[in-house]
């Protein structure tokens, strides 16, 4: 006569299956995040090449303001309008991809309409000491990152947004950790090199070497 499983044995089997399933889900989710981060960095390389090609032809980068309903504010101008000079009349880029980490929150969450692609701003006149090395680059593009919180990679260190969520995304803090994925360039604007520890405009939060990798 064959012995049937006892209730305890069945519960143990079910528990093991549940644990294995949970681990599989976590691994799948982390693989998705890694894939999206790879997409962001690939898109950034393409956009950086377009920006530099434009600068070569026009001796400067596309302005982030002067368009839209509030022309004097780059933060209320749709990003696609800010980047329009890269697509017309000369097509340095045919179109702009959608941010796979489109932010759901942020200090400008009152109006998400401007963010129809990666955030872009010409940053050479922004001395803000924040994350993202914004004060050292002539332009900045960024993604909300896995936390889906758009902190712009450049909030002042003394601002609660920066202290809590305005850091740069660093996978060594965890695949789904907080922070924007940021790329700025080139260095050495009138606000100096952000890697220079004596630079008074140096950002308050720096991630090295993972940070530098985001520029490549």
C-alpha atoms as a PDB file:
ATOM      1  CA  UNK A   1       0.000   0.000   0.000  1.00  0.00           C
ATOM      2  CA  UNK A   2       1.420   3.413  -1.065  1.00  0.00           C
ATOM      3  CA  UNK A   3       1.736   6.063   1.614  1.00  0.00           C
ATOM      4  CA  UNK A   4       0.132   9.438   0.746  1.00  0.00           C
ATOM      5  CA  UNK A   5       1.742  12.781   1.560  1.00  0.00           C
ATOM      6  CA  UNK A   6       0.866  14.143   4.958  1.00  0.00           C
ATOM      7  CA  UNK A   7      -0.556  17.640   5.297  1.00  0.00           C
ATOM      8  CA  UNK A   8       2.734  18.902   6.716  1.00  0.00           C
ATOM      9  CA  UNK A   9       4.693  17.494   3.785  1.00  0.00           C
ATOM     10  CA  UNK A  10       2.317  19.116   1.327  1.00  0.00           C
ATOM     11  CA  UNK A  11       2.645  22.448   3.109  1.00  0.00           C
ATOM     12  CA  UNK A  12       6.442  22.185   3.004  1.00  0.00           C
ATOM     13  CA  UNK A  13       6.351  21.480  -0.747  1.00  0.00           C
ATOM     14  CA  UNK A  14       3.993  24.395  -1.345  1.00  0.00           C
ATOM     15  CA  UNK A  15       6.222  26.696   0.715  1.00  0.00           C
ATOM     16  CA  UNK A  16       9.324  25.674  -1.263  1.00  0.00           C
ATOM     17  CA  UNK A  17       7.532  26.261  -4.552  1.00  0.00           C
ATOM     18  CA  UNK A  18       6.356  29.692  -3.335  1.00  0.00           C
ATOM     19  CA  UNK A  19       9.899  30.682  -2.325  1.00  0.00           C
ATOM     20  CA  UNK A  20      11.331  29.575  -5.663  1.00  0.00           C
ATOM     21  CA  UNK A  21       8.578  31.450  -7.510  1.00  0.00           C
ATOM     22  CA  UNK A  22       9.267  34.624  -5.503  1.00  0.00           C
ATOM     23  CA  UNK A  23      12.981  34.411  -6.277  1.00  0.00           C
ATOM     24  CA  UNK A  24      12.218  33.933  -9.956  1.00  0.00           C
ATOM     25  CA  UNK A  25       9.968  37.013  -9.970  1.00  0.00           C
ATOM     26  CA  UNK A  26      12.638  39.147  -8.262  1.00  0.00           C
ATOM     27  CA  UNK A  27      15.306  37.996 -10.711  1.00  0.00           C
ATOM     28  CA  UNK A  28      12.990  38.705 -13.637  1.00  0.00           C
ATOM     29  CA  UNK A  29      12.192  42.195 -12.359  1.00  0.00           C
ATOM     30  CA  UNK A  30      15.867  42.991 -11.829  1.00  0.00           C
ATOM     31  CA  UNK A  31      16.700  41.725 -15.309  1.00  0.00           C
ATOM     32  CA  UNK A  32      14.039  44.059 -16.708  1.00  0.00           C
ATOM     33  CA  UNK A  33      15.545  47.030 -14.838  1.00  0.00           C
ATOM     34  CA  UNK A  34      19.052  46.195 -16.069  1.00  0.00           C
ATOM     35  CA  UNK A  35      17.748  45.980 -19.631  1.00  0.00           C
ATOM     36  CA  UNK A  36      16.035  49.377 -19.304  1.00  0.00           C
ATOM     37  CA  UNK A  37      19.177  50.966 -17.840  1.00  0.00           C
ATOM     38  CA  UNK A  38      21.130  49.617 -20.821  1.00  0.00           C
ATOM     39  CA  UNK A  39      18.551  51.164 -23.165  1.00  0.00           C
ATOM     40  CA  UNK A  40      18.834  54.538 -21.395  1.00  0.00           C
ATOM     41  CA  UNK A  41      22.619  54.591 -21.640  1.00  0.00           C
ATOM     42  CA  UNK A  42      22.488  53.593 -25.303  1.00  0.00           C
ATOM     43  CA  UNK A  43      19.976  56.369 -25.987  1.00  0.00           C
ATOM     44  CA  UNK A  44      22.186  58.831 -24.105  1.00  0.00           C
ATOM     45  CA  UNK A  45      25.173  57.955 -26.286  1.00  0.00           C
ATOM     46  CA  UNK A  46      23.096  58.610 -29.401  1.00  0.00           C
ATOM     47  CA  UNK A  47      21.761  61.903 -28.049  1.00  0.00           C
ATOM     48  CA  UNK A  48      25.219  63.012 -26.914  1.00  0.00           C
ATOM     49  CA  UNK A  49      26.592  62.392 -30.399  1.00  0.00           C
ATOM     50  CA  UNK A  50      23.724  64.436 -31.891  1.00  0.00           C
ATOM     51  CA  UNK A  51      24.304  67.307 -29.466  1.00  0.00           C
ATOM     52  CA  UNK A  52      28.017  67.419 -30.203  1.00  0.00           C
ATOM     53  CA  UNK A  53      27.411  67.307 -33.976  1.00  0.00           C
ATOM     54  CA  UNK A  54      24.967  70.202 -33.624  1.00  0.00           C
ATOM     55  CA  UNK A  55      27.489  72.148 -31.532  1.00  0.00           C
ATOM     56  CA  UNK A  56      30.160  71.633 -34.177  1.00  0.00           C
ATOM     57  CA  UNK A  57      27.899  73.147 -36.829  1.00  0.00           C
ATOM     58  CA  UNK A  58      26.390  75.960 -34.758  1.00  0.00           C
ATOM     59  CA  UNK A  59      29.055  76.637 -32.132  1.00  0.00           C
ATOM     60  CA  UNK A  60      26.637  75.967 -29.285  1.00  0.00           C
ATOM     61  CA  UNK A  61      23.975  73.615 -27.971  1.00  0.00           C
ATOM     62  CA  UNK A  62      20.183  73.755 -28.503  1.00  0.00           C
ATOM     63  CA  UNK A  63      18.554  76.104 -25.970  1.00  0.00           C
ATOM     64  CA  UNK A  64      16.195  74.521 -23.467  1.00  0.00           C
ATOM     65  CA  UNK A  65      13.850  77.488 -23.406  1.00  0.00           C
ATOM     66  CA  UNK A  66      12.235  79.952 -25.758  1.00  0.00           C
ATOM     67  CA  UNK A  67       9.463  77.577 -26.787  1.00  0.00           C
ATOM     68  CA  UNK A  68       6.037  76.565 -25.551  1.00  0.00           C
ATOM     69  CA  UNK A  69       3.519  78.249 -23.275  1.00  0.00           C
ATOM     70  CA  UNK A  70       6.138  79.479 -20.784  1.00  0.00           C
ATOM     71  CA  UNK A  71       9.080  80.312 -23.092  1.00  0.00           C
ATOM     72  CA  UNK A  72      11.368  81.611 -20.343  1.00  0.00           C
ATOM     73  CA  UNK A  73      11.258  78.373 -18.365  1.00  0.00           C
ATOM     74  CA  UNK A  74      13.126  75.302 -19.622  1.00  0.00           C
ATOM     75  CA  UNK A  75      11.299  73.221 -17.037  1.00  0.00           C
ATOM     76  CA  UNK A  76       7.862  73.938 -18.523  1.00  0.00           C
ATOM     77  CA  UNK A  77       8.910  73.531 -22.147  1.00  0.00           C
ATOM     78  CA  UNK A  78       8.197  70.086 -23.641  1.00  0.00           C
ATOM     79  CA  UNK A  79      11.502  68.278 -24.049  1.00  0.00           C
ATOM     80  CA  UNK A  80      10.719  67.379 -27.665  1.00  0.00           C
ATOM     81  CA  UNK A  81      10.496  71.124 -28.420  1.00  0.00           C
ATOM     82  CA  UNK A  82      13.806  71.774 -26.704  1.00  0.00           C
ATOM     83  CA  UNK A  83      15.397  69.114 -28.888  1.00  0.00           C
ATOM     84  CA  UNK A  84      13.623  70.061 -32.113  1.00  0.00           C
ATOM     85  CA  UNK A  85      16.796  71.709 -33.524  1.00  0.00           C
ATOM     86  CA  UNK A  86      18.350  68.232 -33.558  1.00  0.00           C
ATOM     87  CA  UNK A  87      15.689  66.900 -35.929  1.00  0.00           C
ATOM     88  CA  UNK A  88      14.977  69.883 -38.201  1.00  0.00           C
ATOM     89  CA  UNK A  89      16.085  71.316 -40.555  1.00  0.00           C
ATOM     90  CA  UNK A  90      19.146  69.055 -40.217  1.00  0.00           C
ATOM     91  CA  UNK A  91      18.341  65.576 -38.947  1.00  0.00           C
ATOM     92  CA  UNK A  92      21.085  64.870 -36.447  1.00  0.00           C
ATOM     93  CA  UNK A  93      18.511  62.478 -35.038  1.00  0.00           C
ATOM     94  CA  UNK A  94      15.308  61.316 -36.736  1.00  0.00           C
ATOM     95  CA  UNK A  95      13.281  61.069 -33.519  1.00  0.00           C
ATOM     96  CA  UNK A  96      13.644  60.811 -29.760  1.00  0.00           C
ATOM     97  CA  UNK A  97      12.924  57.665 -27.740  1.00  0.00           C
ATOM     98  CA  UNK A  98      10.559  57.425 -24.815  1.00  0.00           C
ATOM     99  CA  UNK A  99      12.198  57.204 -21.410  1.00  0.00           C
ATOM    100  CA  UNK A 100      11.639  53.597 -20.192  1.00  0.00           C
ATOM    101  CA  UNK A 101      11.646  55.054 -16.674  1.00  0.00           C
ATOM    102  CA  UNK A 102       9.090  57.792 -17.305  1.00  0.00           C
ATOM    103  CA  UNK A 103       8.754  59.552 -13.956  1.00  0.00           C
ATOM    104  CA  UNK A 104       5.563  59.319 -11.924  1.00  0.00           C
ATOM    105  CA  UNK A 105       6.789  61.711  -9.248  1.00  0.00           C
ATOM    106  CA  UNK A 106       9.151  64.645  -8.936  1.00  0.00           C
ATOM    107  CA  UNK A 107       9.419  68.188  -7.723  1.00  0.00           C
ATOM    108  CA  UNK A 108       7.555  69.280 -10.876  1.00  0.00           C
ATOM    109  CA  UNK A 109       4.971  66.499 -10.681  1.00  0.00           C
ATOM    110  CA  UNK A 110       2.225  69.115 -10.983  1.00  0.00           C
ATOM    111  CA  UNK A 111       2.735  68.978 -14.741  1.00  0.00           C
ATOM    112  CA  UNK A 112       4.198  65.900 -16.425  1.00  0.00           C
ATOM    113  CA  UNK A 113       3.430  67.083 -19.966  1.00  0.00           C
ATOM    114  CA  UNK A 114       6.899  68.587 -20.621  1.00  0.00           C
ATOM    115  CA  UNK A 115       8.560  65.212 -20.152  1.00  0.00           C
ATOM    116  CA  UNK A 116       7.692  63.442 -23.372  1.00  0.00           C
ATOM    117  CA  UNK A 117      11.242  62.100 -23.724  1.00  0.00           C
ATOM    118  CA  UNK A 118      14.433  62.235 -21.650  1.00  0.00           C
ATOM    119  CA  UNK A 119      14.877  65.514 -19.827  1.00  0.00           C
ATOM    120  CA  UNK A 120      17.326  67.884 -21.520  1.00  0.00           C
ATOM    121  CA  UNK A 121      18.639  71.267 -20.470  1.00  0.00           C
ATOM    122  CA  UNK A 122      21.547  73.402 -21.632  1.00  0.00           C
ATOM    123  CA  UNK A 123      23.303  73.641 -18.300  1.00  0.00           C
ATOM    124  CA  UNK A 124      26.364  75.813 -18.793  1.00  0.00           C
ATOM    125  CA  UNK A 125      24.693  78.707 -16.998  1.00  0.00           C
ATOM    126  CA  UNK A 126      23.440  76.658 -14.045  1.00  0.00           C
ATOM    127  CA  UNK A 127      25.773  76.800 -11.011  1.00  0.00           C
ATOM    128  CA  UNK A 128      23.534  74.587  -8.867  1.00  0.00           C
ATOM    129  CA  UNK A 129      25.470  72.375  -6.489  1.00  0.00           C
ATOM    130  CA  UNK A 130      23.513  69.165  -6.720  1.00  0.00           C
ATOM    131  CA  UNK A 131      23.753  65.653  -7.993  1.00  0.00           C
ATOM    132  CA  UNK A 132      24.262  65.052 -11.672  1.00  0.00           C
ATOM    133  CA  UNK A 133      27.413  67.169 -11.944  1.00  0.00           C
ATOM    134  CA  UNK A 134      25.150  69.738 -13.586  1.00  0.00           C
ATOM    135  CA  UNK A 135      27.421  72.602 -12.605  1.00  0.00           C
ATOM    136  CA  UNK A 136      30.260  71.171 -14.660  1.00  0.00           C
ATOM    137  CA  UNK A 137      28.588  70.392 -17.962  1.00  0.00           C
ATOM    138  CA  UNK A 138      27.404  72.422 -20.938  1.00  0.00           C
ATOM    139  CA  UNK A 139      24.283  70.250 -21.194  1.00  0.00           C
ATOM    140  CA  UNK A 140      22.507  67.598 -19.200  1.00  0.00           C
ATOM    141  CA  UNK A 141      20.163  64.769 -20.159  1.00  0.00           C
ATOM    142  CA  UNK A 142      18.602  62.475 -17.619  1.00  0.00           C
ATOM    143  CA  UNK A 143      16.083  59.741 -16.970  1.00  0.00           C
ATOM    144  CA  UNK A 144      13.924  59.390 -13.878  1.00  0.00           C
ATOM    145  CA  UNK A 145      15.614  56.056 -13.153  1.00  0.00           C
ATOM    146  CA  UNK A 146      14.120  52.902 -11.588  1.00  0.00           C
ATOM    147  CA  UNK A 147      12.550  54.849  -8.716  1.00  0.00           C
ATOM    148  CA  UNK A 148      10.449  56.769 -11.295  1.00  0.00           C
ATOM    149  CA  UNK A 149      11.167  59.985  -9.375  1.00  0.00           C
ATOM    150  CA  UNK A 150      12.343  62.886 -11.532  1.00  0.00           C
ATOM    151  CA  UNK A 151      14.787  64.907  -9.423  1.00  0.00           C
ATOM    152  CA  UNK A 152      16.584  66.376 -12.461  1.00  0.00           C
ATOM    153  CA  UNK A 153      19.969  65.271 -11.187  1.00  0.00           C
ATOM    154  CA  UNK A 154      20.703  68.772 -10.047  1.00  0.00           C
ATOM    155  CA  UNK A 155      18.718  69.827  -6.992  1.00  0.00           C
ATOM    156  CA  UNK A 156      20.688  71.760  -4.353  1.00  0.00           C
ATOM    157  CA  UNK A 157      22.214  69.577  -1.665  1.00  0.00           C
ATOM    158  CA  UNK A 158      20.369  71.473   1.035  1.00  0.00           C
ATOM    159  CA  UNK A 159      17.053  70.701  -0.683  1.00  0.00           C
ATOM    160  CA  UNK A 160      15.183  67.693   0.805  1.00  0.00           C
ATOM    161  CA  UNK A 161      14.609  66.300  -2.694  1.00  0.00           C
ATOM    162  CA  UNK A 162      18.343  65.971  -3.214  1.00  0.00           C
ATOM    163  CA  UNK A 163      19.120  64.551   0.206  1.00  0.00           C
ATOM    164  CA  UNK A 164      16.413  61.914  -0.093  1.00  0.00           C
ATOM    165  CA  UNK A 165      15.975  61.128  -3.778  1.00  0.00           C
ATOM    166  CA  UNK A 166      18.018  63.529  -5.845  1.00  0.00           C
ATOM    167  CA  UNK A 167      21.119  61.392  -6.074  1.00  0.00           C
ATOM    168  CA  UNK A 168      22.486  59.796  -9.202  1.00  0.00           C
ATOM    169  CA  UNK A 169      21.453  56.235  -9.913  1.00  0.00           C
ATOM    170  CA  UNK A 170      24.186  53.818  -8.900  1.00  0.00           C
ATOM    171  CA  UNK A 171      23.523  50.081  -9.437  1.00  0.00           C
ATOM    172  CA  UNK A 172      25.967  49.244  -6.629  1.00  0.00           C
ATOM    173  CA  UNK A 173      23.324  50.661  -4.271  1.00  0.00           C
ATOM    174  CA  UNK A 174      20.874  48.078  -5.629  1.00  0.00           C
ATOM    175  CA  UNK A 175      19.422  47.452  -9.068  1.00  0.00           C
ATOM    176  CA  UNK A 176      16.187  49.258  -8.174  1.00  0.00           C
ATOM    177  CA  UNK A 177      17.752  51.887  -5.915  1.00  0.00           C
ATOM    178  CA  UNK A 178      16.922  55.587  -5.955  1.00  0.00           C
ATOM    179  CA  UNK A 179      18.429  58.140  -8.274  1.00  0.00           C
ATOM    180  CA  UNK A 180      18.278  59.667 -11.742  1.00  0.00           C
ATOM    181  CA  UNK A 181      20.365  58.303 -14.592  1.00  0.00           C
ATOM    182  CA  UNK A 182      22.329  61.353 -15.699  1.00  0.00           C
ATOM    183  CA  UNK A 183      24.755  62.311 -18.439  1.00  0.00           C
ATOM    184  CA  UNK A 184      26.332  65.741 -18.785  1.00  0.00           C
ATOM    185  CA  UNK A 185      28.955  67.133 -21.061  1.00  0.00           C
ATOM    186  CA  UNK A 186      31.337  68.409 -21.901  1.00  0.00           C
ATOM    187  CA  UNK A 187      33.235  69.497 -18.809  1.00  0.00           C
ATOM    188  CA  UNK A 188      35.015  72.740 -18.047  1.00  0.00           C
ATOM    189  CA  UNK A 189      32.335  75.347 -18.479  1.00  0.00           C
ATOM    190  CA  UNK A 190      32.649  78.680 -16.716  1.00  0.00           C
ATOM    191  CA  UNK A 191      31.701  76.875 -13.505  1.00  0.00           C
ATOM    192  CA  UNK A 192      34.740  74.626 -13.681  1.00  0.00           C
ATOM    193  CA  UNK A 193      35.453  70.937 -13.452  1.00  0.00           C
ATOM    194  CA  UNK A 194      33.021  69.128 -11.096  1.00  0.00           C
ATOM    195  CA  UNK A 195      35.748  66.598 -10.261  1.00  0.00           C
ATOM    196  CA  UNK A 196      37.969  69.358  -8.887  1.00  0.00           C
ATOM    197  CA  UNK A 197      37.626  69.214  -5.093  1.00  0.00           C
ATOM    198  CA  UNK A 198      38.573  72.902  -4.824  1.00  0.00           C
ATOM    199  CA  UNK A 199      35.799  73.980  -7.200  1.00  0.00           C
ATOM    200  CA  UNK A 200      33.250  75.970  -5.126  1.00  0.00           C
ATOM    201  CA  UNK A 201      30.530  74.973  -7.627  1.00  0.00           C
ATOM    202  CA  UNK A 202      31.333  71.291  -7.313  1.00  0.00           C
ATOM    203  CA  UNK A 203      28.205  69.162  -6.804  1.00  0.00           C
ATOM    204  CA  UNK A 204      27.559  67.927  -3.321  1.00  0.00           C
ATOM    205  CA  UNK A 205      26.979  64.304  -4.335  1.00  0.00           C
ATOM    206  CA  UNK A 206      29.384  62.513  -6.651  1.00  0.00           C
ATOM    207  CA  UNK A 207      29.419  58.857  -7.646  1.00  0.00           C
ATOM    208  CA  UNK A 208      32.768  57.563  -8.932  1.00  0.00           C
ATOM    209  CA  UNK A 209      33.587  55.490 -10.944  1.00  0.00           C
ATOM    210  CA  UNK A 210      30.011  54.508 -11.754  1.00  0.00           C
ATOM    211  CA  UNK A 211      29.221  58.159 -12.282  1.00  0.00           C
ATOM    212  CA  UNK A 212      31.822  58.702 -14.975  1.00  0.00           C
ATOM    213  CA  UNK A 213      30.598  55.621 -16.820  1.00  0.00           C
ATOM    214  CA  UNK A 214      27.303  57.393 -17.471  1.00  0.00           C
ATOM    215  CA  UNK A 215      29.121  59.911 -19.642  1.00  0.00           C
ATOM    216  CA  UNK A 216      30.619  57.388 -22.042  1.00  0.00           C
END
